[in-house]
Amino acid sequence: MQDFAAIDFETANEQPCSVCSVGIVVVRGGEVVDDFYSLIRPEPNYYKWFCQRVHGLGPEDTDCADIFPDVWRRVEPLIEGLPLVAHNSPFDEGCLKAVMRVYQMDWPDYRFYCTCRASRSVFGRSLPNHQLHTVSEACGFHLEHHHHALADAEACAKIALKLL
């Protein structure tokens, strides 16, 4: 796979629709050609402590951020016609579907591929786990700032280039 967009969402609470940040890395011809990061005012707009502990974001970061439809208008042209890749894609695809439902947006039939699933297939039991930071190291990419949506999308893109 040489053309795709790696995507990662962070959520404010246990609701998949509560996306509070998105990171996108666009790959064409096997090269990273663009990236995008944005904070998003979540819906519902409240934070759970365990989510804040994971990604470090809180209401002070997103209270003045754009809502999802405004952010997605900027994302759509970047990813148009590209398959989407995520580490544990059921989570990110579920977030995208859920937030689009909240805002009554049409689902454009995005095709998702999962680097976590690919890692299990390629590495099997040779890794202690198939978490993003573990797999990215196994693929030769050191992930700094884990759980920052853009950093995670970049790691996912590097894994996809190796494994997909």
C-alpha atoms as a PDB file:
ATOM      1  CA  MET A   1       0.000   0.000   0.000  1.00  0.00           C
ATOM      2  CA  GLN A   2       1.609   3.221  -1.191  1.00  0.00           C
ATOM      3  CA  ASP A   3      -1.296   5.700  -1.051  1.00  0.00           C
ATOM      4  CA  PHE A   4      -3.329   6.105   2.133  1.00  0.00           C
ATOM      5  CA  ALA A   5      -4.124   8.384   5.043  1.00  0.00           C
ATOM      6  CA  ALA A   6      -3.213   7.293   8.564  1.00  0.00           C
ATOM      7  CA  ILE A   7      -5.712   8.613  11.103  1.00  0.00           C
ATOM      8  CA  ASP A   8      -5.906   8.764  14.873  1.00  0.00           C
ATOM      9  CA  PHE A   9      -8.561  10.141  17.203  1.00  0.00           C
ATOM     10  CA  GLU A  10      -8.415  10.905  20.901  1.00  0.00           C
ATOM     11  CA  THR A  11     -11.658  10.996  22.878  1.00  0.00           C
ATOM     12  CA  ALA A  12     -12.752  13.094  25.845  1.00  0.00           C
ATOM     13  CA  ASN A  13     -14.803  10.397  27.545  1.00  0.00           C
ATOM     14  CA  GLU A  14     -16.144   6.873  27.110  1.00  0.00           C
ATOM     15  CA  GLN A  15     -18.408   7.917  24.234  1.00  0.00           C
ATOM     16  CA  PRO A  16     -16.856   7.171  20.821  1.00  0.00           C
ATOM     17  CA  CYS A  17     -18.411  10.361  19.442  1.00  0.00           C
ATOM     18  CA  SER A  18     -16.481  12.515  21.938  1.00  0.00           C
ATOM     19  CA  VAL A  19     -13.483  13.071  19.663  1.00  0.00           C
ATOM     20  CA  CYS A  20     -11.322  15.870  21.039  1.00  0.00           C
ATOM     21  CA  SER A  21      -8.408  15.699  18.603  1.00  0.00           C
ATOM     22  CA  VAL A  22      -7.548  14.199  15.243  1.00  0.00           C
ATOM     23  CA  GLY A  23      -4.247  13.530  13.533  1.00  0.00           C
ATOM     24  CA  ILE A  24      -3.873  12.665   9.849  1.00  0.00           C
ATOM     25  CA  VAL A  25      -0.769  11.706   7.888  1.00  0.00           C
ATOM     26  CA  VAL A  26      -1.175  11.493   4.107  1.00  0.00           C
ATOM     27  CA  VAL A  27       1.052   9.080   2.189  1.00  0.00           C
ATOM     28  CA  ARG A  28       1.315   9.079  -1.600  1.00  0.00           C
ATOM     29  CA  GLY A  29       3.748   6.998  -3.571  1.00  0.00           C
ATOM     30  CA  GLY A  30       5.122   5.605  -0.323  1.00  0.00           C
ATOM     31  CA  GLU A  31       6.132   9.063   0.952  1.00  0.00           C
ATOM     32  CA  VAL A  32       4.565  11.275   3.597  1.00  0.00           C
ATOM     33  CA  VAL A  33       3.275  14.290   1.681  1.00  0.00           C
ATOM     34  CA  ASP A  34       1.017  16.050   4.167  1.00  0.00           C
ATOM     35  CA  ASP A  35      -0.237  16.015   7.727  1.00  0.00           C
ATOM     36  CA  PHE A  36      -3.016  17.620   9.701  1.00  0.00           C
ATOM     37  CA  TYR A  37      -3.765  18.050  13.395  1.00  0.00           C
ATOM     38  CA  SER A  38      -6.647  19.749  15.123  1.00  0.00           C
ATOM     39  CA  LEU A  39      -8.242  19.966  18.498  1.00  0.00           C
ATOM     40  CA  ILE A  40     -12.013  19.438  18.419  1.00  0.00           C
ATOM     41  CA  ARG A  41     -14.690  20.560  20.863  1.00  0.00           C
ATOM     42  CA  PRO A  42     -16.103  17.164  21.877  1.00  0.00           C
ATOM     43  CA  GLU A  43     -19.739  16.112  21.827  1.00  0.00           C
ATOM     44  CA  PRO A  44     -20.731  15.366  24.511  1.00  0.00           C
ATOM     45  CA  ASN A  45     -18.507  18.073  25.922  1.00  0.00           C
ATOM     46  CA  TYR A  46     -17.149  16.596  29.124  1.00  0.00           C
ATOM     47  CA  TYR A  47     -13.895  14.867  30.021  1.00  0.00           C
ATOM     48  CA  LYS A  48     -13.343  11.728  32.042  1.00  0.00           C
ATOM     49  CA  TRP A  49     -10.252  11.705  34.220  1.00  0.00           C
ATOM     50  CA  PHE A  50      -8.931   8.487  32.679  1.00  0.00           C
ATOM     51  CA  CYS A  51      -9.020   9.971  29.167  1.00  0.00           C
ATOM     52  CA  GLN A  52      -7.304  13.125  30.351  1.00  0.00           C
ATOM     53  CA  ARG A  53      -4.633  10.997  32.013  1.00  0.00           C
ATOM     54  CA  VAL A  54      -3.985   9.183  28.719  1.00  0.00           C
ATOM     55  CA  HIS A  55      -3.724  12.118  26.312  1.00  0.00           C
ATOM     56  CA  GLY A  56      -3.389  15.147  28.591  1.00  0.00           C
ATOM     57  CA  LEU A  57      -6.199  17.135  26.965  1.00  0.00           C
ATOM     58  CA  GLY A  58      -8.989  18.805  28.910  1.00  0.00           C
ATOM     59  CA  PRO A  59     -11.757  21.350  28.510  1.00  0.00           C
ATOM     60  CA  GLU A  60      -9.273  24.214  28.724  1.00  0.00           C
ATOM     61  CA  ASP A  61      -7.740  22.887  25.479  1.00  0.00           C
ATOM     62  CA  THR A  62     -10.935  22.375  23.499  1.00  0.00           C
ATOM     63  CA  ASP A  63     -13.589  24.781  24.800  1.00  0.00           C
ATOM     64  CA  CYS A  64     -12.711  27.251  22.036  1.00  0.00           C
ATOM     65  CA  ALA A  65     -11.897  24.610  19.403  1.00  0.00           C
ATOM     66  CA  ASP A  66     -13.986  24.026  16.288  1.00  0.00           C
ATOM     67  CA  ILE A  67     -16.741  21.443  16.330  1.00  0.00           C
ATOM     68  CA  PHE A  68     -16.242  18.268  14.322  1.00  0.00           C
ATOM     69  CA  PRO A  69     -18.052  19.253  11.088  1.00  0.00           C
ATOM     70  CA  ASP A  70     -15.885  22.368  10.764  1.00  0.00           C
ATOM     71  CA  VAL A  71     -12.705  20.351  11.283  1.00  0.00           C
ATOM     72  CA  TRP A  72     -13.833  17.589   8.934  1.00  0.00           C
ATOM     73  CA  ARG A  73     -14.398  20.100   6.116  1.00  0.00           C
ATOM     74  CA  ARG A  74     -10.647  20.719   6.226  1.00  0.00           C
ATOM     75  CA  VAL A  75      -9.824  16.998   6.438  1.00  0.00           C
ATOM     76  CA  GLU A  76     -12.012  15.728   3.588  1.00  0.00           C
ATOM     77  CA  PRO A  77      -9.955  17.224   0.713  1.00  0.00           C
ATOM     78  CA  LEU A  78      -6.756  15.738   2.192  1.00  0.00           C
ATOM     79  CA  ILE A  79      -8.073  12.178   2.348  1.00  0.00           C
ATOM     80  CA  GLU A  80     -10.391  12.135  -0.665  1.00  0.00           C
ATOM     81  CA  GLY A  81     -10.131   8.820  -2.497  1.00  0.00           C
ATOM     82  CA  LEU A  82      -7.630   7.347  -0.037  1.00  0.00           C
ATOM     83  CA  PRO A  83      -8.078   4.309   2.174  1.00  0.00           C
ATOM     84  CA  LEU A  84      -7.743   5.087   5.878  1.00  0.00           C
ATOM     85  CA  VAL A  85      -5.280   3.265   8.097  1.00  0.00           C
ATOM     86  CA  ALA A  86      -5.411   3.183  11.885  1.00  0.00           C
ATOM     87  CA  HIS A  87      -3.814   1.183  14.668  1.00  0.00           C
ATOM     88  CA  ASN A  88      -6.787  -0.681  16.121  1.00  0.00           C
ATOM     89  CA  SER A  89      -8.983   0.583  13.308  1.00  0.00           C
ATOM     90  CA  PRO A  90     -12.282  -0.541  14.886  1.00  0.00           C
ATOM     91  CA  PHE A  91     -11.767   2.189  17.513  1.00  0.00           C
ATOM     92  CA  ASP A  92     -11.002   5.006  15.065  1.00  0.00           C
ATOM     93  CA  GLU A  93     -13.603   3.905  12.530  1.00  0.00           C
ATOM     94  CA  GLY A  94     -16.139   3.652  15.363  1.00  0.00           C
ATOM     95  CA  CYS A  95     -15.277   7.176  16.520  1.00  0.00           C
ATOM     96  CA  LEU A  96     -15.639   8.565  13.023  1.00  0.00           C
ATOM     97  CA  LYS A  97     -18.974   6.845  12.440  1.00  0.00           C
ATOM     98  CA  ALA A  98     -20.287   7.906  15.855  1.00  0.00           C
ATOM     99  CA  VAL A  99     -19.361  11.575  15.540  1.00  0.00           C
ATOM    100  CA  MET A 100     -20.739  11.707  12.001  1.00  0.00           C
ATOM    101  CA  ARG A 101     -24.029  10.296  13.344  1.00  0.00           C
ATOM    102  CA  VAL A 102     -24.140  12.937  16.080  1.00  0.00           C
ATOM    103  CA  TYR A 103     -23.819  15.689  13.502  1.00  0.00           C
ATOM    104  CA  GLN A 104     -26.044  13.902  10.957  1.00  0.00           C
ATOM    105  CA  MET A 105     -23.247  13.777   8.393  1.00  0.00           C
ATOM    106  CA  ASP A 106     -23.280  11.290   5.527  1.00  0.00           C
ATOM    107  CA  TRP A 107     -20.852   8.380   5.799  1.00  0.00           C
ATOM    108  CA  PRO A 108     -18.822   8.354   2.561  1.00  0.00           C
ATOM    109  CA  ASP A 109     -17.934   4.649   2.799  1.00  0.00           C
ATOM    110  CA  TYR A 110     -14.346   5.041   3.921  1.00  0.00           C
ATOM    111  CA  ARG A 111     -12.298   1.848   3.684  1.00  0.00           C
ATOM    112  CA  PHE A 112     -10.248   1.188   6.835  1.00  0.00           C
ATOM    113  CA  TYR A 113      -7.150  -0.972   7.255  1.00  0.00           C
ATOM    114  CA  CYS A 114      -5.724  -1.961  10.633  1.00  0.00           C
ATOM    115  CA  THR A 115      -2.010  -1.919  11.447  1.00  0.00           C
ATOM    116  CA  CYS A 116      -2.662  -3.716  14.750  1.00  0.00           C
ATOM    117  CA  ARG A 117      -4.246  -6.625  12.873  1.00  0.00           C
ATOM    118  CA  ALA A 118      -1.358  -6.555  10.377  1.00  0.00           C
ATOM    119  CA  SER A 119       1.135  -6.611  13.249  1.00  0.00           C
ATOM    120  CA  ARG A 120      -0.476  -9.705  14.747  1.00  0.00           C
ATOM    121  CA  SER A 121      -0.285 -11.391  11.360  1.00  0.00           C
ATOM    122  CA  VAL A 122       3.339 -10.415  10.629  1.00  0.00           C
ATOM    123  CA  PHE A 123       4.943 -10.502  14.083  1.00  0.00           C
ATOM    124  CA  GLY A 124       2.718 -13.057  15.819  1.00  0.00           C
ATOM    125  CA  ARG A 125       4.057 -13.881  19.266  1.00  0.00           C
ATOM    126  CA  SER A 126       7.504 -12.431  18.633  1.00  0.00           C
ATOM    127  CA  LEU A 127       6.382  -9.129  20.203  1.00  0.00           C
ATOM    128  CA  PRO A 128       5.330  -8.825  23.854  1.00  0.00           C
ATOM    129  CA  ASN A 129       2.172  -6.993  22.676  1.00  0.00           C
ATOM    130  CA  HIS A 130       0.853  -5.247  19.609  1.00  0.00           C
ATOM    131  CA  GLN A 131       0.383  -1.787  21.085  1.00  0.00           C
ATOM    132  CA  LEU A 132       1.250   1.137  18.852  1.00  0.00           C
ATOM    133  CA  HIS A 133       4.518   2.058  20.550  1.00  0.00           C
ATOM    134  CA  THR A 134       5.715  -1.570  20.577  1.00  0.00           C
ATOM    135  CA  VAL A 135       4.917  -2.167  16.917  1.00  0.00           C
ATOM    136  CA  SER A 136       6.384   1.153  15.807  1.00  0.00           C
ATOM    137  CA  GLU A 137       9.676   0.277  17.529  1.00  0.00           C
ATOM    138  CA  ALA A 138       9.644  -3.132  15.827  1.00  0.00           C
ATOM    139  CA  CYS A 139       9.240  -1.298  12.505  1.00  0.00           C
ATOM    140  CA  GLY A 140      12.169   1.016  13.236  1.00  0.00           C
ATOM    141  CA  PHE A 141      10.216   4.118  14.252  1.00  0.00           C
ATOM    142  CA  HIS A 142      10.549   5.607  17.742  1.00  0.00           C
ATOM    143  CA  LEU A 143       7.189   7.014  18.842  1.00  0.00           C
ATOM    144  CA  GLU A 144       7.531  10.100  20.984  1.00  0.00           C
ATOM    145  CA  HIS A 145       4.455  11.799  22.444  1.00  0.00           C
ATOM    146  CA  HIS A 146       2.310   8.655  22.410  1.00  0.00           C
ATOM    147  CA  HIS A 147      -1.416   9.528  22.545  1.00  0.00           C
ATOM    148  CA  HIS A 148      -0.927  12.797  20.708  1.00  0.00           C
ATOM    149  CA  ALA A 149      -3.154  12.205  17.679  1.00  0.00           C
ATOM    150  CA  LEU A 150      -0.647  13.431  15.091  1.00  0.00           C
ATOM    151  CA  ALA A 151       2.279  11.513  16.605  1.00  0.00           C
ATOM    152  CA  ASP A 152       0.169   8.356  16.702  1.00  0.00           C
ATOM    153  CA  ALA A 153      -0.966   8.862  13.095  1.00  0.00           C
ATOM    154  CA  GLU A 154       2.665   9.290  12.049  1.00  0.00           C
ATOM    155  CA  ALA A 155       3.644   6.051  13.807  1.00  0.00           C
ATOM    156  CA  CYS A 156       0.705   4.301  12.180  1.00  0.00           C
ATOM    157  CA  ALA A 157       1.797   5.543   8.756  1.00  0.00           C
ATOM    158  CA  LYS A 158       5.344   4.260   9.311  1.00  0.00           C
ATOM    159  CA  ILE A 159       3.989   0.861  10.406  1.00  0.00           C
ATOM    160  CA  ALA A 160       1.641   0.704   7.413  1.00  0.00           C
ATOM    161  CA  LEU A 161       4.502   1.401   5.017  1.00  0.00           C
ATOM    162  CA  LYS A 162       6.384  -1.572   6.503  1.00  0.00           C
ATOM    163  CA  LEU A 163       3.538  -4.046   6.998  1.00  0.00           C
ATOM    164  CA  LEU A 164       0.736  -3.346   4.514  1.00  0.00           C
END
